[in-house]
Structure formats: C-alpha cells, structure tokens
Amino acid sequence: MEETIVRIENKASYGITYYEHGQPYLGSHRGMRFRLARNPMEDVFLTPPDQKGEAVFEATIWPEPYCYEVTPDEKKTTQTFPFNAEGKEQMIAWLNEQYEQRYEEWEAVRAKH
C-alpha cells in the first residue's frame, strides 16, 4: 500500500500581519510540531514600515508530544527565511520538505501518542 503524504498549505498559517503583532504561530502536522515566528518577536504592527527594522521568519520543528517550551533544544531544528510573502512560501515549503524527508520519524512518534 502506497503512503500518502499530506502537505501543509500556506493558507494553514496566518498572514504576515499576524506575526507583526509579536506572536508565534504554533501547530502540528502528523507527528511534527512546529513554531513559526517573526524574529525579533516584537509587536511592530503599528510601527511605520521604515522603522520596523530588519526581521526574518523563523521556523522550528520538533517531534510530538511536547510543546516548544519543554522540548529540549537538541530535538529542535530551526531555519530562517526572509520576512516577506516569498519568505513565508519558502518557510511552508521547508516544513513540507522536512515532513517528507523525516516521514518515518514523524510517523513513529505519532504512533506512540
């Protein structure tokens, strides 16, 4: 039986303005947990564009079952992307690549919980 890879869609996470409020987006996908955030994570939504400063998207993944705060750093993988619409698409593509490349790992932890 062939396994079906279920992909994460870009619309599954909030738009860029959400991240400008200094809040991370936390989610999970079939054994893989993830955290998406603007770095630095500060509320710049009402700040004029020329004063917001440099920022990147930061995506972190780790295996279930624990939350970001209590998962040891050595179990986390982090990647950064430009903080713009293209960077957000790259970030979602990276999440899908990580899910596909480490499919057996995610399925193994998913089966335990």
C-alpha atoms as a PDB file:
ATOM      1  CA  MET A   1       0.000   0.000   0.000  1.00  0.00           C
ATOM      2  CA  GLU A   2       1.407   3.401  -1.006  1.00  0.00           C
ATOM      3  CA  GLU A   3       1.652   6.033   1.727  1.00  0.00           C
ATOM      4  CA  THR A   4       0.004   9.381   1.092  1.00  0.00           C
ATOM      5  CA  ILE A   5       1.983  12.428   2.134  1.00  0.00           C
ATOM      6  CA  VAL A   6      -0.345  15.143   3.423  1.00  0.00           C
ATOM      7  CA  ARG A   7       1.139  18.579   2.763  1.00  0.00           C
ATOM      8  CA  ILE A   8       0.880  21.737   4.849  1.00  0.00           C
ATOM      9  CA  GLU A   9      -0.670  24.589   2.866  1.00  0.00           C
ATOM     10  CA  ASN A  10       0.463  28.205   3.082  1.00  0.00           C
ATOM     11  CA  LYS A  11      -3.075  29.278   3.994  1.00  0.00           C
ATOM     12  CA  ALA A  12      -2.928  26.964   7.029  1.00  0.00           C
ATOM     13  CA  SER A  13      -0.948  29.640   8.907  1.00  0.00           C
ATOM     14  CA  TYR A  14      -1.813  33.294   9.388  1.00  0.00           C
ATOM     15  CA  GLY A  15      -0.800  36.157   7.107  1.00  0.00           C
ATOM     16  CA  ILE A  16       2.292  38.262   7.638  1.00  0.00           C
ATOM     17  CA  THR A  17       0.495  40.913   9.710  1.00  0.00           C
ATOM     18  CA  TYR A  18      -0.252  38.305  12.404  1.00  0.00           C
ATOM     19  CA  TYR A  19       3.486  37.858  13.005  1.00  0.00           C
ATOM     20  CA  GLU A  20       3.967  41.640  13.218  1.00  0.00           C
ATOM     21  CA  HIS A  21       1.988  41.540  16.483  1.00  0.00           C
ATOM     22  CA  GLY A  22       4.840  39.631  18.144  1.00  0.00           C
ATOM     23  CA  GLN A  23       3.002  36.304  18.421  1.00  0.00           C
ATOM     24  CA  PRO A  24       4.255  32.907  17.251  1.00  0.00           C
ATOM     25  CA  TYR A  25       2.063  30.505  15.308  1.00  0.00           C
ATOM     26  CA  LEU A  26       2.178  27.009  16.812  1.00  0.00           C
ATOM     27  CA  GLY A  27       0.917  23.930  15.029  1.00  0.00           C
ATOM     28  CA  SER A  28       1.394  20.244  14.452  1.00  0.00           C
ATOM     29  CA  HIS A  29       1.241  18.025  11.431  1.00  0.00           C
ATOM     30  CA  ARG A  30       1.023  14.259  11.825  1.00  0.00           C
ATOM     31  CA  GLY A  31       3.804  13.857  14.424  1.00  0.00           C
ATOM     32  CA  MET A  32       5.762  17.001  13.570  1.00  0.00           C
ATOM     33  CA  ARG A  33       5.212  20.057  15.748  1.00  0.00           C
ATOM     34  CA  PHE A  34       6.205  23.489  14.516  1.00  0.00           C
ATOM     35  CA  ARG A  35       6.545  27.097  15.602  1.00  0.00           C
ATOM     36  CA  LEU A  36       6.561  29.979  13.123  1.00  0.00           C
ATOM     37  CA  ALA A  37       7.518  33.464  14.281  1.00  0.00           C
ATOM     38  CA  ARG A  38       8.957  36.820  13.328  1.00  0.00           C
ATOM     39  CA  ASN A  39      12.449  37.263  14.721  1.00  0.00           C
ATOM     40  CA  PRO A  40      12.795  39.548  16.577  1.00  0.00           C
ATOM     41  CA  MET A  41       9.420  38.692  18.033  1.00  0.00           C
ATOM     42  CA  GLU A  42       8.052  42.095  18.932  1.00  0.00           C
ATOM     43  CA  ASP A  43       4.846  43.978  18.223  1.00  0.00           C
ATOM     44  CA  VAL A  44       5.633  46.235  15.255  1.00  0.00           C
ATOM     45  CA  PHE A  45       2.196  46.221  13.641  1.00  0.00           C
ATOM     46  CA  LEU A  46       1.568  49.933  14.204  1.00  0.00           C
ATOM     47  CA  THR A  47       5.195  50.941  13.634  1.00  0.00           C
ATOM     48  CA  PRO A  48       5.854  52.783  10.340  1.00  0.00           C
ATOM     49  CA  PRO A  49       7.438  50.417   7.784  1.00  0.00           C
ATOM     50  CA  ASP A  50      10.736  52.336   7.708  1.00  0.00           C
ATOM     51  CA  GLN A  51      11.068  51.946  11.490  1.00  0.00           C
ATOM     52  CA  LYS A  52      10.236  48.236  11.870  1.00  0.00           C
ATOM     53  CA  GLY A  53      13.851  47.159  11.494  1.00  0.00           C
ATOM     54  CA  GLU A  54      15.250  44.013   9.966  1.00  0.00           C
ATOM     55  CA  ALA A  55      13.370  40.777  10.626  1.00  0.00           C
ATOM     56  CA  VAL A  56      13.233  37.181   9.436  1.00  0.00           C
ATOM     57  CA  PHE A  57      10.751  34.373   9.661  1.00  0.00           C
ATOM     58  CA  GLU A  58      11.984  31.641  11.980  1.00  0.00           C
ATOM     59  CA  ALA A  59      10.546  28.129  11.650  1.00  0.00           C
ATOM     60  CA  THR A  60      11.287  25.471  14.251  1.00  0.00           C
ATOM     61  CA  ILE A  61      10.191  21.825  14.096  1.00  0.00           C
ATOM     62  CA  TRP A  62      10.364  19.030  16.672  1.00  0.00           C
ATOM     63  CA  PRO A  63       8.709  15.652  17.312  1.00  0.00           C
ATOM     64  CA  GLU A  64       5.492  15.252  19.290  1.00  0.00           C
ATOM     65  CA  PRO A  65       4.255  15.081  22.019  1.00  0.00           C
ATOM     66  CA  TYR A  66       5.676  18.046  23.947  1.00  0.00           C
ATOM     67  CA  CYS A  67       5.276  21.781  23.491  1.00  0.00           C
ATOM     68  CA  TYR A  68       8.032  24.115  22.282  1.00  0.00           C
ATOM     69  CA  GLU A  69       8.961  25.361  25.753  1.00  0.00           C
ATOM     70  CA  VAL A  70       9.670  21.944  27.294  1.00  0.00           C
ATOM     71  CA  THR A  71      11.195  20.166  24.301  1.00  0.00           C
ATOM     72  CA  PRO A  72      14.991  20.009  24.593  1.00  0.00           C
ATOM     73  CA  ASP A  73      16.791  22.207  22.056  1.00  0.00           C
ATOM     74  CA  GLU A  74      18.690  19.223  20.644  1.00  0.00           C
ATOM     75  CA  LYS A  75      15.374  17.804  19.386  1.00  0.00           C
ATOM     76  CA  LYS A  76      14.526  21.030  17.523  1.00  0.00           C
ATOM     77  CA  THR A  77      15.524  22.046  14.001  1.00  0.00           C
ATOM     78  CA  THR A  78      15.341  25.742  13.083  1.00  0.00           C
ATOM     79  CA  GLN A  79      15.590  27.553   9.758  1.00  0.00           C
ATOM     80  CA  THR A  80      15.199  31.245   8.880  1.00  0.00           C
ATOM     81  CA  PHE A  81      13.602  32.887   5.845  1.00  0.00           C
ATOM     82  CA  PRO A  82      13.085  36.457   4.595  1.00  0.00           C
ATOM     83  CA  PHE A  83      10.239  38.226   6.342  1.00  0.00           C
ATOM     84  CA  ASN A  84       8.013  38.765   3.313  1.00  0.00           C
ATOM     85  CA  ALA A  85       5.399  36.874   1.278  1.00  0.00           C
ATOM     86  CA  GLU A  86       8.023  34.944  -0.684  1.00  0.00           C
ATOM     87  CA  GLY A  87       9.853  34.039   2.521  1.00  0.00           C
ATOM     88  CA  LYS A  88       6.602  32.746   4.021  1.00  0.00           C
ATOM     89  CA  GLU A  89       6.096  30.497   0.989  1.00  0.00           C
ATOM     90  CA  GLN A  90       9.685  29.265   1.325  1.00  0.00           C
ATOM     91  CA  MET A  91       9.066  28.561   5.010  1.00  0.00           C
ATOM     92  CA  ILE A  92       5.970  26.453   4.279  1.00  0.00           C
ATOM     93  CA  ALA A  93       7.857  24.622   1.507  1.00  0.00           C
ATOM     94  CA  TRP A  94      10.653  23.879   4.027  1.00  0.00           C
ATOM     95  CA  LEU A  95       8.117  22.494   6.530  1.00  0.00           C
ATOM     96  CA  ASN A  96       6.808  20.151   3.844  1.00  0.00           C
ATOM     97  CA  GLU A  97      10.342  19.104   2.836  1.00  0.00           C
ATOM     98  CA  GLN A  98      11.182  18.319   6.461  1.00  0.00           C
ATOM     99  CA  TYR A  99       7.968  16.373   6.869  1.00  0.00           C
ATOM    100  CA  GLU A 100       8.639  14.313   3.737  1.00  0.00           C
ATOM    101  CA  GLN A 101      12.354  13.742   4.419  1.00  0.00           C
ATOM    102  CA  ARG A 102      11.733  12.637   8.009  1.00  0.00           C
ATOM    103  CA  TYR A 103       8.380  10.947   7.380  1.00  0.00           C
ATOM    104  CA  GLU A 104       9.267   7.733   9.260  1.00  0.00           C
ATOM    105  CA  GLU A 105      10.406   9.694  12.317  1.00  0.00           C
ATOM    106  CA  TRP A 106       7.160  11.658  12.462  1.00  0.00           C
ATOM    107  CA  GLU A 107       5.035   8.563  11.928  1.00  0.00           C
ATOM    108  CA  ALA A 108       6.910   6.695  14.676  1.00  0.00           C
ATOM    109  CA  VAL A 109       6.258   9.376  17.295  1.00  0.00           C
ATOM    110  CA  ARG A 110       2.702   9.775  16.067  1.00  0.00           C
ATOM    111  CA  ALA A 111       2.077   6.049  16.555  1.00  0.00           C
ATOM    112  CA  LYS A 112       3.268   6.286  20.185  1.00  0.00           C
ATOM    113  CA  HIS A 113       0.845   9.014  21.156  1.00  0.00           C
END
